[in-house]
Protein backbone atom coordinates (compact mmCIF):
# COMPACT_ATOMS: atom_id res chain seq x y z
CA MET A 1 10.92 74.81 -223.16
CA ALA A 2 7.35 76.10 -223.83
CA ALA A 3 5.20 78.59 -223.22
CA ARG A 4 1.48 78.30 -221.91
CA LEU A 5 -0.84 81.53 -222.59
CA GLY A 6 -3.55 82.92 -220.68
CA GLY A 7 -3.95 80.53 -217.28
CA SER A 8 -6.02 81.39 -214.58
CA PRO A 9 -4.28 81.70 -210.92
CA GLY A 10 -4.84 79.09 -208.48
CA ALA A 11 -6.03 76.60 -211.81
CA THR A 12 -4.46 72.89 -211.83
CA VAL A 13 -2.08 72.13 -215.23
CA ASP A 14 -1.07 69.03 -216.26
CA PRO A 15 2.61 68.67 -215.84
CA PRO A 16 4.95 69.23 -219.04
CA ALA A 17 5.28 66.13 -221.52
CA SER A 18 9.33 67.03 -221.27
CA GLY A 19 11.55 70.16 -220.00
CA VAL A 20 10.40 73.30 -218.49
CA VAL A 21 7.36 75.67 -219.58
CA VAL A 22 6.87 78.92 -218.87
CA GLU A 23 3.18 79.61 -217.78
CA LEU A 24 2.01 82.87 -218.37
CA VAL A 25 -0.81 83.77 -215.60
CA SER A 26 -3.97 86.13 -216.08
CA GLY A 27 -3.74 88.67 -213.92
CA GLU A 28 -0.19 89.43 -212.43
CA SER A 29 1.90 86.09 -212.15
CA CYS A 30 3.97 84.08 -214.11
CA ALA A 31 4.68 79.87 -213.25
CA VAL A 32 7.84 77.72 -214.24
CA ARG A 33 6.58 74.05 -214.34
CA TYR A 34 8.77 71.46 -215.54
CA ASP A 35 9.53 67.62 -215.19
CA SER A 36 11.77 66.05 -212.86
CA GLY A 37 12.75 63.65 -214.32
CA LEU A 38 14.77 65.84 -217.13
CA VAL A 39 15.55 68.65 -215.39
CA ALA A 40 17.45 68.92 -211.61
CA ALA A 41 15.58 71.53 -209.14
CA ALA A 42 19.18 73.37 -209.05
CA ASP A 43 19.16 74.12 -212.63
CA ALA A 44 15.33 74.79 -212.48
CA HIS A 45 15.76 77.42 -209.92
CA ARG A 46 18.58 79.09 -211.75
CA PHE A 47 16.42 79.54 -214.46
CA VAL A 48 13.52 81.19 -212.50
CA ALA A 49 16.56 83.57 -211.05
CA CYS A 50 17.55 84.51 -214.81
CA LEU A 51 13.69 85.08 -215.74
CA GLU A 52 13.13 87.14 -212.81
CA ALA A 53 16.10 89.17 -213.97
CA VAL A 54 14.71 90.15 -217.46
CA LEU A 55 11.14 90.36 -216.36
CA HIS A 56 12.72 93.17 -213.80
CA ALA A 57 15.51 94.41 -216.46
CA VAL A 58 12.25 94.84 -218.83
CA ALA A 59 9.69 96.60 -216.10
CA THR A 60 12.73 99.00 -215.30
CA ASP A 61 13.51 100.34 -218.84
CA ALA A 62 10.49 98.86 -221.35
CA ASN A 63 12.24 100.42 -224.33
CA ALA A 64 15.98 99.08 -223.64
CA PRO A 65 17.56 97.24 -226.45
CA VAL A 66 16.93 93.29 -225.96
CA ALA A 67 20.97 93.49 -226.08
CA ARG A 68 21.27 95.14 -223.41
CA VAL A 69 18.73 93.16 -220.94
CA ASP A 70 21.34 91.07 -218.40
CA LEU A 71 20.39 87.53 -218.71
CA LEU A 72 21.83 86.69 -215.69
CA GLY A 73 21.90 89.00 -212.69
CA ALA A 74 24.76 90.07 -210.58
CA ALA A 75 24.98 86.95 -208.58
CA ALA A 76 24.70 84.06 -211.73
CA ARG A 77 27.61 86.50 -213.40
CA GLU A 78 30.08 86.22 -210.75
CA GLN A 79 29.49 82.52 -210.75
CA ILE A 80 29.67 82.07 -214.59
CA LEU A 81 32.93 84.51 -214.54
CA ARG A 82 34.68 83.97 -211.58
CA ARG A 83 33.80 81.53 -209.27
CA TRP A 84 33.64 78.65 -211.93
CA ASN A 85 36.93 79.72 -213.92
CA ASP A 86 39.10 80.04 -210.69
CA THR A 87 40.83 77.09 -211.45
CA SER A 88 44.46 78.21 -210.84
CA VAL A 89 46.51 75.39 -208.97
CA THR A 90 50.12 75.59 -207.87
CA TYR A 91 52.51 72.93 -209.15
CA ASP A 92 55.79 72.30 -210.83
CA GLU A 93 55.40 74.24 -214.36
CA ALA A 94 59.01 73.20 -214.71
CA ALA A 95 58.90 69.72 -214.78
CA CYS A 96 58.89 67.67 -217.70
CA ILE A 97 56.82 64.30 -218.16
CA HIS A 98 60.02 62.10 -217.66
CA HIS A 99 60.89 64.00 -214.19
CA LEU A 100 57.64 63.68 -212.62
CA PHE A 101 58.04 59.49 -213.89
CA GLU A 102 61.42 59.62 -212.02
CA ALA A 103 59.83 60.99 -209.16
CA GLN A 104 57.96 58.69 -208.77
CA VAL A 105 60.22 55.86 -208.89
CA ASP A 106 62.34 57.34 -206.11
CA ARG A 107 58.65 57.09 -204.32
CA SER A 108 58.19 53.62 -205.43
CA PRO A 109 61.37 51.62 -206.81
CA ASP A 110 60.14 48.25 -206.20
CA ALA A 111 56.28 48.68 -207.01
CA PRO A 112 55.04 46.96 -209.92
CA ALA A 113 55.00 49.41 -213.02
CA LEU A 114 53.66 47.85 -215.86
CA VAL A 115 52.10 44.29 -216.54
CA PHE A 116 51.95 42.74 -219.90
CA GLU A 117 50.28 39.17 -220.68
CA GLY A 118 52.02 37.45 -217.50
CA ARG A 119 55.30 39.56 -217.39
CA SER A 120 55.72 42.52 -214.98
CA ILE A 121 58.43 45.41 -214.63
CA SER A 122 58.98 47.30 -211.52
CA TYR A 123 59.00 51.39 -211.71
CA ARG A 124 63.16 51.02 -210.74
CA ALA A 125 63.82 48.27 -214.04
CA LEU A 126 61.75 50.19 -215.75
CA ASP A 127 63.72 53.17 -215.17
CA ASP A 128 67.14 51.64 -215.85
CA ARG A 129 66.24 50.23 -218.48
CA ALA A 130 64.72 53.57 -220.58
CA ASN A 131 67.94 55.25 -218.82
CA GLN A 132 69.63 52.72 -221.19
CA VAL A 133 67.34 53.09 -224.10
CA ALA A 134 68.21 57.03 -223.55
CA ALA A 135 72.25 56.94 -223.58
CA HIS A 136 71.97 55.29 -227.00
CA LEU A 137 69.37 57.41 -228.10
CA ARG A 138 71.69 60.36 -227.28
CA GLN A 139 74.65 58.59 -229.32
CA LEU A 140 72.04 58.63 -232.37
CA GLY A 141 71.93 62.46 -232.25
CA VAL A 142 68.08 62.49 -230.10
CA ALA A 143 68.27 66.10 -227.93
CA PRO A 144 65.44 68.44 -227.19
CA ASP A 145 62.77 68.76 -229.83
CA VAL A 146 64.06 65.96 -232.02
CA MET A 147 61.32 63.93 -233.12
CA VAL A 148 62.07 59.67 -232.56
CA GLY A 149 59.39 57.58 -234.65
CA VAL A 150 58.32 54.92 -231.88
CA HIS A 151 57.22 52.07 -234.45
CA VAL A 152 56.48 48.84 -231.50
CA GLU A 153 53.91 47.05 -230.35
CA ARG A 154 51.68 47.37 -227.24
CA GLY A 155 53.76 46.10 -224.60
CA ILE A 156 56.58 46.88 -221.85
CA GLU A 157 58.84 47.75 -224.74
CA LEU A 158 56.53 50.50 -226.06
CA MET A 159 56.81 52.15 -222.58
CA VAL A 160 60.61 51.63 -222.52
CA ALA A 161 60.79 52.98 -225.72
CA VAL A 162 58.39 56.01 -225.07
CA LEU A 163 59.95 56.91 -221.90
CA GLY A 164 63.32 56.66 -223.28
CA VAL A 165 63.01 59.27 -225.91
CA HIS A 166 62.03 61.79 -223.20
CA LYS A 167 65.31 60.89 -220.81
CA ALA A 168 66.91 61.31 -224.06
CA GLY A 169 65.29 64.97 -224.55
CA GLY A 170 63.32 64.06 -227.57
CA ALA A 171 59.26 63.89 -228.79
CA TYR A 172 58.24 60.18 -229.87
CA VAL A 173 56.09 60.22 -233.18
CA PRO A 174 53.80 57.09 -232.50
CA LEU A 175 53.89 55.06 -235.76
CA ASP A 176 51.26 52.47 -234.79
CA PRO A 177 52.55 49.24 -236.32
CA THR A 178 48.98 47.72 -237.00
CA TYR A 179 48.23 51.18 -239.38
CA PRO A 180 47.94 50.84 -243.10
CA SER A 181 51.92 51.40 -244.56
CA ASP A 182 51.03 54.63 -246.64
CA ARG A 183 49.94 56.07 -243.25
CA LEU A 184 53.17 54.92 -241.37
CA GLU A 185 55.18 56.38 -244.58
CA HIS A 186 53.80 59.91 -244.52
CA MET A 187 54.08 60.53 -240.78
CA ILE A 188 57.51 59.60 -241.12
CA ARG A 189 58.03 61.41 -244.01
CA ASP A 190 56.30 64.59 -242.80
CA SER A 191 57.51 64.53 -239.56
CA GLY A 192 61.22 64.04 -240.77
CA CYS A 193 62.22 61.97 -237.67
CA PRO A 194 66.27 60.83 -237.92
CA VAL A 195 65.69 58.00 -235.44
CA ILE A 196 62.77 55.51 -235.05
CA VAL A 197 62.96 52.75 -232.58
CA THR A 198 61.23 49.37 -233.50
CA LEU A 199 61.45 45.48 -233.03
CA GLY A 200 63.48 43.39 -235.13
CA ARG A 201 60.43 40.99 -236.42
CA LEU A 202 58.30 44.79 -237.12
CA GLU A 203 61.44 46.06 -239.04
CA GLN A 204 60.77 44.53 -242.47
CA ALA A 205 56.91 45.98 -242.16
CA LEU A 206 58.82 49.45 -241.35
CA PRO A 207 57.56 51.61 -244.54
CA LEU A 208 60.45 54.16 -244.74
CA PRO A 209 60.47 56.46 -247.50
CA ALA A 210 62.53 56.17 -250.51
CA GLY A 211 66.03 58.26 -249.60
CA SER A 212 64.98 57.85 -245.93
CA THR A 213 68.63 58.12 -243.60
CA ALA A 214 66.44 57.66 -240.41
CA ALA A 215 68.49 55.40 -237.91
CA VAL A 216 66.99 52.05 -236.80
CA LEU A 217 66.70 51.01 -233.24
CA ARG A 218 65.85 47.65 -232.77
CA LEU A 219 65.15 47.16 -229.25
CA ASP A 220 65.36 43.26 -229.40
CA THR A 221 68.37 42.63 -231.55
CA ASP A 222 69.98 45.71 -230.53
CA ALA A 223 69.54 44.52 -226.80
CA ALA A 224 73.40 43.83 -226.26
CA LEU A 225 74.27 47.35 -227.18
CA ILE A 226 71.39 48.95 -225.20
CA ASP A 227 72.72 46.31 -222.52
CA ALA A 228 76.21 48.34 -222.81
CA MET A 229 74.54 51.18 -221.93
CA PRO A 230 74.60 53.03 -218.41
CA THR A 231 71.52 52.46 -216.53
CA GLN A 232 72.54 55.85 -214.30
CA ARG A 233 69.70 58.72 -215.09
CA THR A 234 71.82 61.31 -217.51
CA ARG A 235 68.89 64.41 -217.98
CA ALA A 236 69.12 65.75 -221.09
CA ALA A 237 68.84 69.66 -221.48
CA THR A 238 65.16 69.08 -221.73
CA ALA A 239 62.50 71.87 -221.02
CA SER A 240 59.12 71.93 -219.64
CA HIS A 241 58.53 74.12 -223.36
CA HIS A 242 60.48 71.50 -225.23
CA LEU A 243 58.41 68.74 -227.33
CA ALA A 244 56.76 65.86 -225.57
CA TYR A 245 55.16 64.16 -228.48
CA CYS A 246 53.58 64.63 -232.33
CA ILE A 247 50.39 63.18 -232.63
CA TYR A 248 49.07 62.83 -236.18
CA THR A 249 44.95 63.51 -236.89
CA SER A 250 43.15 61.19 -238.73
CA GLY A 251 43.65 62.67 -241.88
CA SER A 252 39.58 62.47 -242.55
CA THR A 253 39.65 65.99 -244.66
CA GLY A 254 43.23 65.38 -246.66
CA LEU A 255 46.55 64.02 -245.10
CA PRO A 256 47.33 63.70 -241.58
CA LYS A 257 48.55 66.86 -239.85
CA GLY A 258 51.05 66.37 -237.08
CA VAL A 259 49.64 68.16 -233.63
CA LEU A 260 53.08 69.14 -231.61
CA ILE A 261 52.66 68.79 -228.12
CA GLU A 262 54.86 70.56 -225.27
CA HIS A 263 56.00 68.97 -221.64
CA ARG A 264 54.04 71.64 -219.97
CA ASN A 265 50.58 71.14 -222.13
CA ALA A 266 51.22 67.70 -220.52
CA VAL A 267 51.63 67.90 -217.10
CA ASN A 268 49.57 71.24 -216.86
CA PHE A 269 46.52 67.97 -217.95
CA PHE A 270 47.94 65.63 -215.25
CA VAL A 271 46.95 68.54 -213.00
CA GLY A 272 43.81 68.63 -214.11
CA MET A 273 43.25 64.74 -214.33
CA ASP A 274 44.25 64.54 -210.40
CA ALA A 275 41.19 66.53 -209.56
CA VAL A 276 39.12 64.11 -211.36
CA VAL A 277 40.62 60.77 -211.53
CA ASP A 278 40.99 58.82 -208.60
CA HIS A 279 44.49 57.79 -207.57
CA ASP A 280 45.31 56.40 -204.32
CA LEU A 281 47.14 53.70 -204.18
CA PRO A 282 47.51 51.10 -204.71
CA ALA A 283 45.59 51.17 -207.92
CA THR A 284 45.57 49.24 -211.45
CA TRP A 285 45.01 51.10 -214.75
CA PHE A 286 43.30 49.18 -217.87
CA ALA A 287 45.25 50.63 -220.90
CA VAL A 288 43.36 49.91 -224.10
CA THR A 289 44.36 52.91 -225.87
CA SER A 290 46.63 52.94 -228.96
CA LEU A 291 49.71 55.10 -228.39
CA SER A 292 48.39 56.97 -231.62
CA PHE A 293 45.28 58.88 -229.73
CA ASP A 294 46.07 61.29 -227.00
CA ILE A 295 43.78 59.40 -224.57
CA SER A 296 47.19 56.91 -224.33
CA VAL A 297 48.66 60.26 -222.61
CA LEU A 298 46.28 59.46 -219.87
CA GLU A 299 46.40 55.88 -219.63
CA LEU A 300 50.62 55.04 -220.25
CA LEU A 301 52.06 58.40 -218.85
CA TYR A 302 49.58 60.05 -216.39
CA THR A 303 49.66 56.49 -214.51
CA LEU A 304 53.27 56.11 -214.21
CA THR A 305 53.72 59.57 -213.07
CA ARG A 306 50.90 58.65 -210.30
CA GLY A 307 52.32 55.27 -209.30
CA PHE A 308 49.66 53.59 -211.01
CA ASN A 309 50.22 49.16 -212.14
CA VAL A 310 49.23 49.95 -215.52
CA VAL A 311 48.08 46.57 -217.42
CA ILE A 312 48.83 46.74 -221.26
CA TYR A 313 46.33 45.50 -223.02
CA LEU A 314 46.86 43.86 -226.95
CA ASP A 315 44.39 43.00 -229.35
CA HIS A 316 45.60 40.51 -230.65
CA ASP A 317 42.60 39.89 -232.76
CA LYS A 318 43.10 43.58 -233.86
CA THR A 319 46.26 43.23 -235.30
CA ALA A 320 45.32 39.92 -237.19
CA GLY A 321 42.50 42.36 -238.57
CA ALA A 322 39.91 40.64 -237.03
CA GLY A 323 37.02 41.72 -234.20
CA GLY A 324 37.58 42.22 -230.18
CA GLY A 325 39.34 39.48 -228.43
CA ASP A 326 38.54 38.38 -224.73
CA LEU A 327 40.08 40.57 -221.38
CA PRO A 328 43.87 39.01 -220.23
CA GLY A 329 44.09 37.00 -217.10
CA ASP A 330 45.99 40.27 -215.69
CA LEU A 331 43.05 42.43 -215.80
CA VAL A 332 40.58 39.61 -214.53
CA ASN A 333 43.31 39.08 -211.34
CA GLN A 334 44.12 42.26 -210.44
CA THR A 335 42.18 43.19 -207.02
CA THR A 336 42.03 46.89 -208.42
CA SER A 337 41.40 48.23 -211.30
CA ARG A 338 40.53 51.83 -213.58
CA CYS A 339 40.15 52.09 -217.16
CA SER A 340 39.26 54.92 -219.72
CA THR A 341 36.50 54.49 -222.48
CA SER A 342 35.18 56.23 -225.32
CA PRO A 343 32.35 55.66 -228.22
CA ALA A 344 35.63 55.27 -230.40
CA THR A 345 37.10 52.75 -227.94
CA PRO A 346 36.29 49.26 -229.58
CA PRO A 347 34.26 46.58 -227.99
CA MET A 348 36.99 44.65 -227.03
CA ALA A 349 37.09 42.21 -223.87
CA THR A 350 34.45 39.82 -222.20
CA VAL A 351 34.95 39.55 -218.70
CA PRO A 352 33.44 36.31 -216.63
CA ALA A 353 30.50 37.79 -214.62
CA SER A 354 32.10 35.53 -211.56
CA THR A 355 34.40 37.66 -211.36
CA GLY A 356 32.20 41.05 -210.11
CA CYS A 357 34.59 43.32 -212.26
CA CYS A 358 32.90 46.17 -212.26
CA SER A 359 32.29 47.65 -208.90
CA LYS A 360 31.80 51.56 -210.84
CA VAL A 361 30.56 51.92 -214.48
CA PRO A 362 31.78 54.16 -216.52
CA VAL A 363 30.89 57.82 -216.08
CA GLY A 364 29.98 58.91 -219.52
CA PRO A 365 29.92 58.34 -223.13
CA MET A 366 31.41 61.17 -224.01
CA SER A 367 34.73 61.17 -221.96
CA THR A 368 37.05 59.49 -219.93
CA ALA A 369 35.32 56.77 -218.02
CA SER A 370 36.95 55.61 -214.77
CA ALA A 371 35.58 51.81 -213.59
CA ARG A 372 37.09 50.50 -210.69
CA CYS A 373 37.49 46.95 -210.51
CA GLY A 374 37.83 44.78 -207.80
CA PRO A 375 36.21 41.54 -205.81
CA PRO A 376 32.03 41.78 -205.69
CA ASN A 377 31.08 44.31 -203.26
CA GLY A 378 28.27 46.60 -201.72
CA THR A 379 28.46 48.58 -204.88
CA SER A 380 28.95 45.95 -207.20
CA MET A 381 27.11 45.88 -210.91
CA PRO A 382 24.53 42.65 -211.39
CA SER A 383 26.91 40.06 -212.70
CA ALA A 384 24.46 40.03 -215.83
CA ALA A 385 25.59 44.45 -216.10
CA CYS A 386 29.16 43.40 -216.23
CA THR A 387 29.78 40.79 -218.34
CA ARG A 388 31.15 43.08 -220.58
CA ILE A 389 33.08 46.49 -220.73
CA PRO A 390 31.23 49.24 -222.70
CA PRO A 391 32.92 50.59 -226.11
């Protein structure tokens, strides 16, 4: 913002180069000029209202301390302090994440829940398998607030593990197999997780700390043990105040630190997302984020409590230490899709322009972006602009 002094009434004034200019005109008037390309008309009018409130306060009491001058006025104060903060919503505050998932299973048991590299699983089948894993985990001592390491590659088995941990009452600790072994070892030691879920082919790379007594459940090589468990739901005594997961920070200021999140925190977040995420069904979500980042809770858990078909992406080049790879045919073949992206998401995919994939572009570089994908239509992007999903 800038100010101009000494103008005259009715004089022609060049528009501001950028932003807002307050022009104090000789006599008794004041003009506010703004660049409409940078400042919305509504914002300019709000600025004028605040300016009028300040001028009125100063004219009423010229000796009033600046700290006591009302910058807002009654109407703006009511909007900012009350209307904008009137966000209360009625929802089931006693629910846990897996309770919401089970409710969705009951609504759409035969709908596809997950797709991964040509494989798919229905909501009912995913629920049944997670119930079996949960039953075995309970035999290993998993109960409410017990943390369980999840050392599983992205895929259907990853979500079987996460949901199984929740159904057993525990809280999952993401142990991304692509992470450095010293970081994984620290997280296992620091969390004290007494049980770790992994795959047989990954067990050798699991860096258990010296003296660790953690039990290890292998979803593939222990399949016979899991298959013997019942598929019926047996709810643990989990309440909304119990832990849902523990995600570790980057450690940029020292050692990574675990952040504990309760079920009620996540469920409240889900309700907030309902207001901004288009969750009309049928819909497909393209999930790209590691379980070690909290946006994965939106991609992998919110979606499954709302009935999405979730396409899970695994960057094979990343697991091999290289750059990004092509999008799987699973995504390209979907008729409708959404994804979330941020500046931290690596450029990972090239989409053939002929698919007309992007009909809505991501809505902002700093927050979760929603991209609906499908056949070309009247709102689709030009093919040249839709050949890459932006980082």
